C-alpha atoms as a PDB file:
ATOM      1  CA  MET A   1       0.000   0.000   0.000  1.00  0.00           C
ATOM      2  CA  LYS A   2       1.435   3.382  -1.068  1.00  0.00           C
ATOM      3  CA  ARG A   3       1.319   6.390   1.215  1.00  0.00           C
ATOM      4  CA  ALA A   4      -0.009   9.571  -0.321  1.00  0.00           C
ATOM      5  CA  ALA A   5       2.582  12.326  -0.447  1.00  0.00           C
ATOM      6  CA  LYS A   6       1.725  15.365   1.625  1.00  0.00           C
ATOM      7  CA  ALA A   7       1.390  18.577  -0.334  1.00  0.00           C
ATOM      8  CA  VAL A   8       3.716  20.941   1.471  1.00  0.00           C
ATOM      9  CA  MET A   9       3.932  24.363  -0.040  1.00  0.00           C
ATOM     10  CA  ASN A  10       6.008  27.340   0.952  1.00  0.00           C
ATOM     11  CA  ARG A  11       5.508  30.943  -0.145  1.00  0.00           C
ATOM     12  CA  PHE A  12       7.647  30.552  -3.275  1.00  0.00           C
ATOM     13  CA  GLU A  13       6.166  27.259  -4.413  1.00  0.00           C
ATOM     14  CA  ARG A  14       2.680  28.752  -4.343  1.00  0.00           C
ATOM     15  CA  ASN A  15       3.639  31.096  -7.183  1.00  0.00           C
ATOM     16  CA  ILE A  16       4.677  28.251  -9.496  1.00  0.00           C
ATOM     17  CA  GLY A  17       1.106  27.169 -10.180  1.00  0.00           C
ATOM     18  CA  LEU A  18      -0.591  30.550 -10.473  1.00  0.00           C
ATOM     19  CA  LYS A  19      -4.304  30.318 -11.122  1.00  0.00           C
ATOM     20  CA  GLY A  20      -4.173  33.552 -13.044  1.00  0.00           C
ATOM     21  CA  GLU A  21      -4.853  37.209 -12.665  1.00  0.00           C
ATOM     22  CA  ALA A  22      -7.516  38.227 -10.180  1.00  0.00           C
ATOM     23  CA  LYS A  23     -10.016  40.978 -10.859  1.00  0.00           C
ATOM     24  CA  LEU A  24     -10.640  43.142  -7.817  1.00  0.00           C
ATOM     25  CA  ARG A  25     -12.764  46.098  -6.768  1.00  0.00           C
ATOM     26  CA  TYR A  26     -10.545  48.429  -4.762  1.00  0.00           C
ATOM     27  CA  LEU A  27     -12.277  49.940  -1.739  1.00  0.00           C
ATOM     28  CA  ASP A  28     -11.118  52.089   1.173  1.00  0.00           C
ATOM     29  CA  GLY A  29      -8.845  49.809   3.198  1.00  0.00           C
ATOM     30  CA  GLU A  30      -9.974  46.566   1.559  1.00  0.00           C
ATOM     31  CA  VAL A  31     -10.573  44.866  -1.762  1.00  0.00           C
ATOM     32  CA  GLN A  32     -13.476  42.835  -3.092  1.00  0.00           C
ATOM     33  CA  VAL A  33     -12.667  39.824  -5.276  1.00  0.00           C
ATOM     34  CA  LEU A  34     -14.670  39.883  -8.509  1.00  0.00           C
ATOM     35  CA  THR A  35     -12.728  37.106 -10.268  1.00  0.00           C
ATOM     36  CA  PRO A  36     -10.552  34.767  -8.171  1.00  0.00           C
ATOM     37  CA  GLY A  37      -6.857  34.569  -8.933  1.00  0.00           C
ATOM     38  CA  ASP A  38      -3.438  34.647  -7.337  1.00  0.00           C
ATOM     39  CA  PHE A  39      -2.168  38.037  -8.445  1.00  0.00           C
ATOM     40  CA  VAL A  40      -2.935  41.447  -9.938  1.00  0.00           C
ATOM     41  CA  ARG A  41      -0.726  43.621 -12.160  1.00  0.00           C
ATOM     42  CA  CYS A  42       0.799  46.953 -11.243  1.00  0.00           C
ATOM     43  CA  ALA A  43      -0.821  49.638 -13.400  1.00  0.00           C
ATOM     44  CA  VAL A  44       2.496  51.516 -13.660  1.00  0.00           C
ATOM     45  CA  THR A  45       5.150  48.801 -14.030  1.00  0.00           C
ATOM     46  CA  GLY A  46       3.149  45.817 -15.262  1.00  0.00           C
ATOM     47  CA  ARG A  47       4.774  43.613 -12.600  1.00  0.00           C
ATOM     48  CA  THR A  48       2.686  40.922 -10.986  1.00  0.00           C
ATOM     49  CA  ILE A  49       1.688  41.435  -7.357  1.00  0.00           C
ATOM     50  CA  PRO A  50       0.695  38.328  -5.358  1.00  0.00           C
ATOM     51  CA  LEU A  51      -2.569  39.115  -3.571  1.00  0.00           C
ATOM     52  CA  GLU A  52      -0.995  38.530  -0.161  1.00  0.00           C
ATOM     53  CA  ASP A  53       1.555  41.275  -0.965  1.00  0.00           C
ATOM     54  CA  LEU A  54      -0.933  43.853  -2.288  1.00  0.00           C
ATOM     55  CA  ARG A  55      -0.596  47.021  -0.186  1.00  0.00           C
ATOM     56  CA  TYR A  56      -1.062  49.947  -2.586  1.00  0.00           C
ATOM     57  CA  TRP A  57      -4.046  50.772  -4.806  1.00  0.00           C
ATOM     58  CA  SER A  58      -6.231  53.631  -5.963  1.00  0.00           C
ATOM     59  CA  VAL A  59      -9.931  53.594  -5.195  1.00  0.00           C
ATOM     60  CA  GLU A  60     -10.395  56.509  -7.612  1.00  0.00           C
ATOM     61  CA  LEU A  61      -8.640  54.817 -10.553  1.00  0.00           C
ATOM     62  CA  GLN A  62      -9.409  51.207  -9.545  1.00  0.00           C
ATOM     63  CA  GLU A  63      -5.835  50.037 -10.107  1.00  0.00           C
ATOM     64  CA  ALA A  64      -3.070  48.358  -8.094  1.00  0.00           C
ATOM     65  CA  TYR A  65       0.558  49.413  -7.560  1.00  0.00           C
ATOM     66  CA  VAL A  66       3.593  47.307  -6.711  1.00  0.00           C
ATOM     67  CA  ASP A  67       4.972  49.865  -4.223  1.00  0.00           C
ATOM     68  CA  ALA A  68       4.623  53.403  -2.896  1.00  0.00           C
ATOM     69  CA  ALA A  69       6.890  54.819  -5.609  1.00  0.00           C
ATOM     70  CA  ALA A  70       4.640  53.448  -8.366  1.00  0.00           C
ATOM     71  CA  SER A  71       1.574  54.826  -6.571  1.00  0.00           C
ATOM     72  CA  LEU A  72       3.163  58.280  -6.289  1.00  0.00           C
ATOM     73  CA  LYS A  73       4.240  58.210  -9.939  1.00  0.00           C
ATOM     74  CA  ARG A  74       0.645  57.530 -11.046  1.00  0.00           C
ATOM     75  CA  TYR A  75      -0.689  60.196  -8.688  1.00  0.00           C
ATOM     76  CA  HIS A  76       1.579  62.819 -10.281  1.00  0.00           C
ATOM     77  CA  GLU A  77       0.570  61.670 -13.777  1.00  0.00           C
ATOM     78  CA  ILE A  78      -3.102  62.157 -12.908  1.00  0.00           C
ATOM     79  CA  HIS A  79      -2.614  65.339 -10.834  1.00  0.00           C
ATOM     80  CA  PRO A  80       0.258  67.204 -12.592  1.00  0.00           C
ATOM     81  CA  ALA A  81      -0.269  70.432 -10.629  1.00  0.00           C
ATOM     82  CA  THR A  82       0.862  68.642  -7.451  1.00  0.00           C
ATOM     83  CA  ALA A  83       4.171  67.381  -8.868  1.00  0.00           C
ATOM     84  CA  ALA A  84       7.173  68.853  -7.080  1.00  0.00           C
END
């Protein structure tokens, strides 16, 4: 009788079998999943952002950002009068 192998997965192994891009509704302080997936794309850089690492987004523009610098870059593109 064979023993079934346990599926042990660490943070990096999870990303190998991505289910695909999630579609989210960005709200104040939270997101609502419209289409399940493992990641979203940064609207500025195009880089993938695993959902568990998503920290920056715009409720106004309904888009995600990989980091604070990308968020600030988009803000200045949309609001040029505030650029330093």
